[in-house]
Amino acid sequence: MRIIGKSAGYARQFSGNSLKAELQRLVDYDKITKYKIMAKIYWAGQSCFEISVSNSKDHEANIVIDPFDEEKTGLKLPNMTADIVLITHDHNDHNNIKDVKGAPFVIQGPGEYEVKEVFIQGISSFHDDVNGKEKGQNTIYVFEVEEMRFCHLGDLGQKQLTDEQLEKIDKVDILMIPVGGGYTIDSTIAQKIISQIEPKIVIPMHYSLPKLKVKLDEVSKFLKTMGKPNITPQEKFTVKMSGLPNEEAMEIVVLQP
């Protein structure tokens, strides 16, 4: 039997042991590529992140999520350049697209997208716990690069995720979750949502900061709720696929703008 195999833009003909060897080579290549994936994560405050993902060879993408208006928040938006901008909801502390540099592809709602080899799914959710009647809609974003999966919950207000939402979210390596209460879920509900998703790494967001004009809970309240009160904040977080913790050993990473 002879089988024609296609991979990475070429076609070859195999038979017998040569087919087995080629299949093993492709599996090994896939493993090597996957474990070279790296993400650099910066948090600007509120729900705003800049995430740079690369495989250290030939692929890089810059993703900005929920850029805010400085006048509305009281916070300074750093210089950000993006290939992709994700907007979770249309409030001016989350949708300042004009101040993001570059010529990004902008996503502002539910759906499935592929941009620069980043696979993105927007999932419908609510900004409150009464089906959006008070604060409207919110989009949860799950995006994947070479099997590293991120989830940004936006300004989630639901006390729990539905079965349908959880099915779409699926496995998560890095979860960005609001914890400050007021306009979103608080630390107690965040703990329950984390238990539903079971991510490997949790990054809290949308909590009190100096100069922030809205009153939110301190991140310390969330850390105490999670039983990890002594985590030292860091300016940026770099993670490789090979360095992700096991699901049983979930880590919390606190970032500072």
C-alpha atoms as a PDB file:
ATOM      1  CA  MET A   1       0.000   0.000   0.000  1.00  0.00           C
ATOM      2  CA  ARG A   2       1.264   3.496  -0.868  1.00  0.00           C
ATOM      3  CA  ILE A   3      -0.039   6.606   0.845  1.00  0.00           C
ATOM      4  CA  ILE A   4       0.399  10.200  -0.247  1.00  0.00           C
ATOM      5  CA  GLY A   5       1.164  12.429   2.749  1.00  0.00           C
ATOM      6  CA  LYS A   6       0.898  16.221   2.863  1.00  0.00           C
ATOM      7  CA  SER A   7       2.358  18.430   5.559  1.00  0.00           C
ATOM      8  CA  ALA A   8       3.904  21.886   5.860  1.00  0.00           C
ATOM      9  CA  GLY A   9       3.366  22.708   2.208  1.00  0.00           C
ATOM     10  CA  TYR A  10       4.879  19.620   0.593  1.00  0.00           C
ATOM     11  CA  ALA A  11       3.681  16.258  -0.731  1.00  0.00           C
ATOM     12  CA  ARG A  12       5.576  12.961  -0.504  1.00  0.00           C
ATOM     13  CA  GLN A  13       4.885   9.305  -1.181  1.00  0.00           C
ATOM     14  CA  PHE A  14       5.357   6.691   1.541  1.00  0.00           C
ATOM     15  CA  SER A  15       5.120   2.951   1.974  1.00  0.00           C
ATOM     16  CA  GLY A  16       5.780   0.511   4.813  1.00  0.00           C
ATOM     17  CA  ASN A  17       8.355   1.512   7.423  1.00  0.00           C
ATOM     18  CA  SER A  18       9.058   4.853   5.750  1.00  0.00           C
ATOM     19  CA  LEU A  19       5.463   5.893   6.482  1.00  0.00           C
ATOM     20  CA  LYS A  20       5.855   5.025  10.163  1.00  0.00           C
ATOM     21  CA  ALA A  21       9.099   6.982  10.340  1.00  0.00           C
ATOM     22  CA  GLU A  22       7.561  10.028   8.679  1.00  0.00           C
ATOM     23  CA  LEU A  23       4.525   9.985  10.960  1.00  0.00           C
ATOM     24  CA  GLN A  24       6.802   9.822  14.006  1.00  0.00           C
ATOM     25  CA  ARG A  25       8.879  12.706  12.644  1.00  0.00           C
ATOM     26  CA  LEU A  26       5.764  14.852  12.270  1.00  0.00           C
ATOM     27  CA  VAL A  27       4.597  13.975  15.783  1.00  0.00           C
ATOM     28  CA  ASP A  28       8.017  14.904  17.195  1.00  0.00           C
ATOM     29  CA  TYR A  29       8.037  18.172  15.224  1.00  0.00           C
ATOM     30  CA  ASP A  30       4.594  19.036  16.534  1.00  0.00           C
ATOM     31  CA  LYS A  31       5.730  18.427  20.117  1.00  0.00           C
ATOM     32  CA  ILE A  32       8.848  20.568  19.672  1.00  0.00           C
ATOM     33  CA  THR A  33       6.868  23.426  18.117  1.00  0.00           C
ATOM     34  CA  LYS A  34       4.153  23.286  20.771  1.00  0.00           C
ATOM     35  CA  TYR A  35       6.577  23.467  23.677  1.00  0.00           C
ATOM     36  CA  LYS A  36       8.355  26.502  22.207  1.00  0.00           C
ATOM     37  CA  ILE A  37       5.180  28.573  22.428  1.00  0.00           C
ATOM     38  CA  MET A  38       5.664  31.582  24.705  1.00  0.00           C
ATOM     39  CA  ALA A  39       3.328  34.336  25.888  1.00  0.00           C
ATOM     40  CA  LYS A  40       4.261  37.695  27.406  1.00  0.00           C
ATOM     41  CA  ILE A  41       1.350  39.179  29.345  1.00  0.00           C
ATOM     42  CA  TYR A  42       1.029  42.804  30.452  1.00  0.00           C
ATOM     43  CA  TRP A  43      -1.878  44.257  32.436  1.00  0.00           C
ATOM     44  CA  ALA A  44      -2.727  47.954  32.144  1.00  0.00           C
ATOM     45  CA  GLY A  45      -5.528  47.989  34.741  1.00  0.00           C
ATOM     46  CA  GLN A  46      -9.258  47.245  34.642  1.00  0.00           C
ATOM     47  CA  SER A  47      -9.741  44.473  32.032  1.00  0.00           C
ATOM     48  CA  CYS A  48      -7.026  45.709  29.670  1.00  0.00           C
ATOM     49  CA  PHE A  49      -4.235  43.343  28.650  1.00  0.00           C
ATOM     50  CA  GLU A  50      -1.572  43.214  25.982  1.00  0.00           C
ATOM     51  CA  ILE A  51      -0.543  39.652  25.180  1.00  0.00           C
ATOM     52  CA  SER A  52       2.306  38.820  22.792  1.00  0.00           C
ATOM     53  CA  VAL A  53       2.441  35.196  21.660  1.00  0.00           C
ATOM     54  CA  SER A  54       5.193  33.585  19.614  1.00  0.00           C
ATOM     55  CA  ASN A  55       6.726  30.232  18.814  1.00  0.00           C
ATOM     56  CA  SER A  56      10.275  31.673  18.798  1.00  0.00           C
ATOM     57  CA  LYS A  57      10.635  30.835  15.113  1.00  0.00           C
ATOM     58  CA  ASP A  58       8.288  32.234  12.510  1.00  0.00           C
ATOM     59  CA  HIS A  59       5.055  33.287  14.182  1.00  0.00           C
ATOM     60  CA  GLU A  60       4.142  36.204  16.441  1.00  0.00           C
ATOM     61  CA  ALA A  61       0.858  37.940  17.226  1.00  0.00           C
ATOM     62  CA  ASN A  62       0.031  40.856  19.497  1.00  0.00           C
ATOM     63  CA  ILE A  63      -3.404  40.864  21.153  1.00  0.00           C
ATOM     64  CA  VAL A  64      -4.906  43.803  23.063  1.00  0.00           C
ATOM     65  CA  ILE A  65      -8.058  43.321  25.137  1.00  0.00           C
ATOM     66  CA  ASP A  66     -10.403  46.060  26.419  1.00  0.00           C
ATOM     67  CA  PRO A  67      -8.298  49.229  26.030  1.00  0.00           C
ATOM     68  CA  PHE A  68      -9.770  51.898  28.307  1.00  0.00           C
ATOM     69  CA  ASP A  69     -10.405  55.627  28.113  1.00  0.00           C
ATOM     70  CA  GLU A  70      -8.034  57.498  30.420  1.00  0.00           C
ATOM     71  CA  GLU A  71     -10.487  60.262  31.311  1.00  0.00           C
ATOM     72  CA  LYS A  72     -13.171  57.755  32.272  1.00  0.00           C
ATOM     73  CA  THR A  73     -10.950  55.553  34.424  1.00  0.00           C
ATOM     74  CA  GLY A  74      -8.280  57.906  35.761  1.00  0.00           C
ATOM     75  CA  LEU A  75      -5.642  55.373  34.679  1.00  0.00           C
ATOM     76  CA  LYS A  76      -2.953  55.930  32.049  1.00  0.00           C
ATOM     77  CA  LEU A  77      -3.199  53.702  28.979  1.00  0.00           C
ATOM     78  CA  PRO A  78       0.321  52.645  27.943  1.00  0.00           C
ATOM     79  CA  ASN A  79       1.440  52.643  24.324  1.00  0.00           C
ATOM     80  CA  MET A  80      -0.067  49.534  22.763  1.00  0.00           C
ATOM     81  CA  THR A  81       0.327  48.061  19.282  1.00  0.00           C
ATOM     82  CA  ALA A  82      -1.891  45.196  18.181  1.00  0.00           C
ATOM     83  CA  ASP A  83      -2.609  42.741  15.404  1.00  0.00           C
ATOM     84  CA  ILE A  84      -5.884  41.842  17.128  1.00  0.00           C
ATOM     85  CA  VAL A  85      -8.126  43.867  19.454  1.00  0.00           C
ATOM     86  CA  LEU A  86     -10.830  42.145  21.489  1.00  0.00           C
ATOM     87  CA  ILE A  87     -13.661  44.235  22.974  1.00  0.00           C
ATOM     88  CA  THR A  88     -15.828  42.506  25.585  1.00  0.00           C
ATOM     89  CA  HIS A  89     -18.545  45.177  25.736  1.00  0.00           C
ATOM     90  CA  ASP A  90     -19.236  48.668  24.460  1.00  0.00           C
ATOM     91  CA  HIS A  91     -18.446  50.802  27.515  1.00  0.00           C
ATOM     92  CA  ASN A  92     -15.825  53.536  27.229  1.00  0.00           C
ATOM     93  CA  ASP A  93     -13.648  52.019  29.933  1.00  0.00           C
ATOM     94  CA  HIS A  94     -13.287  48.959  27.684  1.00  0.00           C
ATOM     95  CA  ASN A  95     -13.574  50.076  24.038  1.00  0.00           C
ATOM     96  CA  ASN A  96     -10.890  52.711  23.377  1.00  0.00           C
ATOM     97  CA  ILE A  97      -9.846  51.205  20.037  1.00  0.00           C
ATOM     98  CA  LYS A  98      -8.602  54.496  18.566  1.00  0.00           C
ATOM     99  CA  ASP A  99      -5.635  54.687  20.957  1.00  0.00           C
ATOM    100  CA  VAL A 100      -4.285  51.266  19.981  1.00  0.00           C
ATOM    101  CA  LYS A 101      -1.543  51.571  17.365  1.00  0.00           C
ATOM    102  CA  GLY A 102      -1.173  49.453  14.254  1.00  0.00           C
ATOM    103  CA  ALA A 103      -3.911  48.270  11.937  1.00  0.00           C
ATOM    104  CA  PRO A 104      -5.546  45.637  14.128  1.00  0.00           C
ATOM    105  CA  PHE A 105      -8.377  43.260  13.304  1.00  0.00           C
ATOM    106  CA  VAL A 106     -11.094  44.280  15.771  1.00  0.00           C
ATOM    107  CA  ILE A 107     -13.537  41.756  17.271  1.00  0.00           C
ATOM    108  CA  GLN A 108     -16.497  43.104  19.228  1.00  0.00           C
ATOM    109  CA  GLY A 109     -18.801  40.197  19.966  1.00  0.00           C
ATOM    110  CA  PRO A 110     -19.608  36.490  19.812  1.00  0.00           C
ATOM    111  CA  GLY A 111     -18.446  34.334  16.910  1.00  0.00           C
ATOM    112  CA  GLU A 112     -15.493  32.296  15.698  1.00  0.00           C
ATOM    113  CA  TYR A 113     -12.455  33.894  14.092  1.00  0.00           C
ATOM    114  CA  GLU A 114      -8.937  33.047  12.927  1.00  0.00           C
ATOM    115  CA  VAL A 115      -6.419  35.885  12.676  1.00  0.00           C
ATOM    116  CA  LYS A 116      -2.652  35.399  12.310  1.00  0.00           C
ATOM    117  CA  GLU A 117      -2.952  31.743  13.358  1.00  0.00           C
ATOM    118  CA  VAL A 118      -4.794  32.742  16.541  1.00  0.00           C
ATOM    119  CA  PHE A 119      -8.105  30.905  16.899  1.00  0.00           C
ATOM    120  CA  ILE A 120     -10.650  33.050  18.737  1.00  0.00           C
ATOM    121  CA  GLN A 121     -14.120  32.298  20.012  1.00  0.00           C
ATOM    122  CA  GLY A 122     -16.409  34.977  21.433  1.00  0.00           C
ATOM    123  CA  ILE A 123     -19.009  33.548  23.812  1.00  0.00           C
ATOM    124  CA  SER A 124     -22.172  35.411  24.772  1.00  0.00           C
ATOM    125  CA  SER A 125     -22.592  36.164  28.486  1.00  0.00           C
ATOM    126  CA  PHE A 126     -24.083  38.814  30.779  1.00  0.00           C
ATOM    127  CA  HIS A 127     -22.705  41.838  32.602  1.00  0.00           C
ATOM    128  CA  ASP A 128     -25.125  41.115  35.470  1.00  0.00           C
ATOM    129  CA  ASP A 129     -26.941  38.144  36.987  1.00  0.00           C
ATOM    130  CA  VAL A 130     -30.378  39.022  35.576  1.00  0.00           C
ATOM    131  CA  ASN A 131     -29.795  38.055  31.933  1.00  0.00           C
ATOM    132  CA  GLY A 132     -28.434  41.455  31.005  1.00  0.00           C
ATOM    133  CA  LYS A 133     -31.519  43.416  32.064  1.00  0.00           C
ATOM    134  CA  GLU A 134     -29.493  45.856  34.195  1.00  0.00           C
ATOM    135  CA  LYS A 135     -26.044  46.104  32.588  1.00  0.00           C
ATOM    136  CA  GLY A 136     -26.395  44.385  29.230  1.00  0.00           C
ATOM    137  CA  GLN A 137     -24.284  41.879  27.340  1.00  0.00           C
ATOM    138  CA  ASN A 138     -20.672  40.810  27.829  1.00  0.00           C
ATOM    139  CA  THR A 139     -18.472  38.691  25.585  1.00  0.00           C
ATOM    140  CA  ILE A 140     -16.160  36.039  26.999  1.00  0.00           C
ATOM    141  CA  TYR A 141     -13.180  35.396  24.726  1.00  0.00           C
ATOM    142  CA  VAL A 142     -11.311  32.129  24.431  1.00  0.00           C
ATOM    143  CA  PHE A 143      -8.307  32.180  22.138  1.00  0.00           C
ATOM    144  CA  GLU A 144      -5.761  29.534  21.302  1.00  0.00           C
ATOM    145  CA  VAL A 145      -2.255  29.619  19.863  1.00  0.00           C
ATOM    146  CA  GLU A 146      -0.561  26.282  19.164  1.00  0.00           C
ATOM    147  CA  GLU A 147      -2.650  24.592  21.905  1.00  0.00           C
ATOM    148  CA  MET A 148      -1.997  27.238  24.573  1.00  0.00           C
ATOM    149  CA  ARG A 149      -5.497  28.399  25.549  1.00  0.00           C
ATOM    150  CA  PHE A 150      -6.434  31.727  27.112  1.00  0.00           C
ATOM    151  CA  CYS A 151      -9.788  32.859  28.496  1.00  0.00           C
ATOM    152  CA  HIS A 152     -10.742  36.472  29.261  1.00  0.00           C
ATOM    153  CA  LEU A 153     -14.077  36.793  31.067  1.00  0.00           C
ATOM    154  CA  GLY A 154     -14.568  40.531  30.470  1.00  0.00           C
ATOM    155  CA  ASP A 155     -16.969  42.242  32.873  1.00  0.00           C
ATOM    156  CA  LEU A 156     -18.738  39.039  33.799  1.00  0.00           C
ATOM    157  CA  GLY A 157     -21.664  39.529  36.190  1.00  0.00           C
ATOM    158  CA  GLN A 158     -23.140  36.017  36.244  1.00  0.00           C
ATOM    159  CA  LYS A 159     -22.940  34.141  39.531  1.00  0.00           C
ATOM    160  CA  GLN A 160     -22.140  30.975  37.634  1.00  0.00           C
ATOM    161  CA  LEU A 161     -21.426  29.915  34.077  1.00  0.00           C
ATOM    162  CA  THR A 162     -24.002  27.877  32.194  1.00  0.00           C
ATOM    163  CA  ASP A 163     -23.306  24.377  30.895  1.00  0.00           C
ATOM    164  CA  GLU A 164     -23.324  25.747  27.348  1.00  0.00           C
ATOM    165  CA  GLN A 165     -20.767  28.425  28.202  1.00  0.00           C
ATOM    166  CA  LEU A 166     -18.530  25.903  29.972  1.00  0.00           C
ATOM    167  CA  GLU A 167     -18.682  23.548  26.993  1.00  0.00           C
ATOM    168  CA  LYS A 168     -17.512  26.339  24.690  1.00  0.00           C
ATOM    169  CA  ILE A 169     -14.813  27.544  27.106  1.00  0.00           C
ATOM    170  CA  ASP A 170     -13.503  23.975  27.531  1.00  0.00           C
ATOM    171  CA  LYS A 171      -9.915  23.545  28.744  1.00  0.00           C
ATOM    172  CA  VAL A 172      -8.137  26.737  29.844  1.00  0.00           C
ATOM    173  CA  ASP A 173      -4.450  27.274  30.545  1.00  0.00           C
ATOM    174  CA  ILE A 174      -4.566  30.979  31.495  1.00  0.00           C
ATOM    175  CA  LEU A 175      -7.715  32.612  32.895  1.00  0.00           C
ATOM    176  CA  MET A 176      -8.210  36.389  33.285  1.00  0.00           C
ATOM    177  CA  ILE A 177     -11.068  36.986  35.715  1.00  0.00           C
ATOM    178  CA  PRO A 178     -12.635  40.087  37.363  1.00  0.00           C
ATOM    179  CA  VAL A 179     -12.579  40.033  41.157  1.00  0.00           C
ATOM    180  CA  GLY A 180     -13.347  43.568  42.356  1.00  0.00           C
ATOM    181  CA  GLY A 181     -17.139  43.434  42.603  1.00  0.00           C
ATOM    182  CA  GLY A 182     -19.374  46.433  42.015  1.00  0.00           C
ATOM    183  CA  TYR A 183     -19.654  46.279  38.246  1.00  0.00           C
ATOM    184  CA  THR A 184     -18.579  42.612  37.991  1.00  0.00           C
ATOM    185  CA  ILE A 185     -18.396  39.459  40.077  1.00  0.00           C
ATOM    186  CA  ASP A 186     -16.587  39.728  43.419  1.00  0.00           C
ATOM    187  CA  SER A 187     -13.917  37.502  44.942  1.00  0.00           C
ATOM    188  CA  THR A 188     -16.370  34.963  46.384  1.00  0.00           C
ATOM    189  CA  ILE A 189     -18.135  34.407  43.067  1.00  0.00           C
ATOM    190  CA  ALA A 190     -14.793  34.483  41.237  1.00  0.00           C
ATOM    191  CA  GLN A 191     -13.658  31.542  43.361  1.00  0.00           C
ATOM    192  CA  LYS A 192     -16.745  29.581  42.253  1.00  0.00           C
ATOM    193  CA  ILE A 193     -16.201  30.455  38.574  1.00  0.00           C
ATOM    194  CA  ILE A 194     -12.574  29.344  38.843  1.00  0.00           C
ATOM    195  CA  SER A 195     -13.790  26.017  40.264  1.00  0.00           C
ATOM    196  CA  GLN A 196     -16.079  25.639  37.249  1.00  0.00           C
ATOM    197  CA  ILE A 197     -13.338  26.339  34.693  1.00  0.00           C
ATOM    198  CA  GLU A 198     -10.357  24.712  36.488  1.00  0.00           C
ATOM    199  CA  PRO A 199      -7.587  26.686  34.742  1.00  0.00           C
ATOM    200  CA  LYS A 200      -3.858  26.152  35.242  1.00  0.00           C
ATOM    201  CA  ILE A 201      -3.077  29.843  35.847  1.00  0.00           C
ATOM    202  CA  VAL A 202      -5.381  32.578  37.154  1.00  0.00           C
ATOM    203  CA  ILE A 203      -4.738  36.298  36.622  1.00  0.00           C
ATOM    204  CA  PRO A 204      -7.153  38.536  38.595  1.00  0.00           C
ATOM    205  CA  MET A 205      -8.260  41.841  37.017  1.00  0.00           C
ATOM    206  CA  HIS A 206     -10.770  44.665  37.447  1.00  0.00           C
ATOM    207  CA  TYR A 207      -9.952  45.558  41.061  1.00  0.00           C
ATOM    208  CA  SER A 208      -8.991  48.686  42.993  1.00  0.00           C
ATOM    209  CA  LEU A 209      -5.914  50.652  41.894  1.00  0.00           C
ATOM    210  CA  PRO A 210      -4.470  54.045  42.881  1.00  0.00           C
ATOM    211  CA  LYS A 211      -6.063  56.817  40.751  1.00  0.00           C
ATOM    212  CA  LEU A 212      -8.877  54.545  39.553  1.00  0.00           C
ATOM    213  CA  LYS A 213     -12.058  56.640  39.634  1.00  0.00           C
ATOM    214  CA  VAL A 214     -14.452  53.786  40.463  1.00  0.00           C
ATOM    215  CA  LYS A 215     -14.566  52.060  43.826  1.00  0.00           C
ATOM    216  CA  LEU A 216     -13.706  48.357  43.688  1.00  0.00           C
ATOM    217  CA  ASP A 217     -12.417  45.761  46.141  1.00  0.00           C
ATOM    218  CA  GLU A 218      -8.675  45.344  46.661  1.00  0.00           C
ATOM    219  CA  VAL A 219      -6.997  42.309  45.095  1.00  0.00           C
ATOM    220  CA  SER A 220      -5.953  41.272  48.624  1.00  0.00           C
ATOM    221  CA  LYS A 221      -9.565  40.297  49.318  1.00  0.00           C
ATOM    222  CA  PHE A 222      -9.498  37.850  46.402  1.00  0.00           C
ATOM    223  CA  LEU A 223      -6.143  36.413  47.451  1.00  0.00           C
ATOM    224  CA  LYS A 224      -7.419  35.808  50.993  1.00  0.00           C
ATOM    225  CA  THR A 225     -10.534  34.133  49.577  1.00  0.00           C
ATOM    226  CA  MET A 226      -8.301  31.841  47.528  1.00  0.00           C
ATOM    227  CA  GLY A 227      -6.099  31.074  50.544  1.00  0.00           C
ATOM    228  CA  LYS A 228      -3.006  32.668  48.957  1.00  0.00           C
ATOM    229  CA  PRO A 229      -2.603  36.081  50.624  1.00  0.00           C
ATOM    230  CA  ASN A 230       1.150  36.547  50.082  1.00  0.00           C
ATOM    231  CA  ILE A 231       1.571  36.682  46.299  1.00  0.00           C
ATOM    232  CA  THR A 232       4.005  39.376  45.148  1.00  0.00           C
ATOM    233  CA  PRO A 233       2.797  41.430  42.155  1.00  0.00           C
ATOM    234  CA  GLN A 234       4.952  41.552  39.018  1.00  0.00           C
ATOM    235  CA  GLU A 235       5.044  43.976  36.102  1.00  0.00           C
ATOM    236  CA  LYS A 236       4.745  41.335  33.389  1.00  0.00           C
ATOM    237  CA  PHE A 237       4.320  37.597  33.192  1.00  0.00           C
ATOM    238  CA  THR A 238       6.114  35.379  30.698  1.00  0.00           C
ATOM    239  CA  VAL A 239       5.006  31.775  30.342  1.00  0.00           C
ATOM    240  CA  LYS A 240       5.990  28.931  28.051  1.00  0.00           C
ATOM    241  CA  MET A 241       3.860  25.951  27.141  1.00  0.00           C
ATOM    242  CA  SER A 242       6.469  23.706  28.751  1.00  0.00           C
ATOM    243  CA  GLY A 243       6.258  25.732  31.981  1.00  0.00           C
ATOM    244  CA  LEU A 244       2.528  25.503  32.592  1.00  0.00           C
ATOM    245  CA  PRO A 245       1.632  23.935  35.955  1.00  0.00           C
ATOM    246  CA  ASN A 246      -0.460  20.823  36.331  1.00  0.00           C
ATOM    247  CA  GLU A 247      -4.190  21.398  36.760  1.00  0.00           C
ATOM    248  CA  GLU A 248      -3.950  20.165  40.350  1.00  0.00           C
ATOM    249  CA  ALA A 249      -1.313  22.825  41.127  1.00  0.00           C
ATOM    250  CA  MET A 250      -3.143  25.931  39.898  1.00  0.00           C
ATOM    251  CA  GLU A 251      -1.138  29.154  40.168  1.00  0.00           C
ATOM    252  CA  ILE A 252      -2.314  32.734  40.759  1.00  0.00           C
ATOM    253  CA  VAL A 253      -0.345  35.515  39.096  1.00  0.00           C
ATOM    254  CA  VAL A 254      -0.895  39.115  40.223  1.00  0.00           C
ATOM    255  CA  LEU A 255       0.186  41.799  37.758  1.00  0.00           C
ATOM    256  CA  GLN A 256       0.665  45.513  38.360  1.00  0.00           C
ATOM    257  CA  PRO A 257       0.307  48.244  35.728  1.00  0.00           C
END
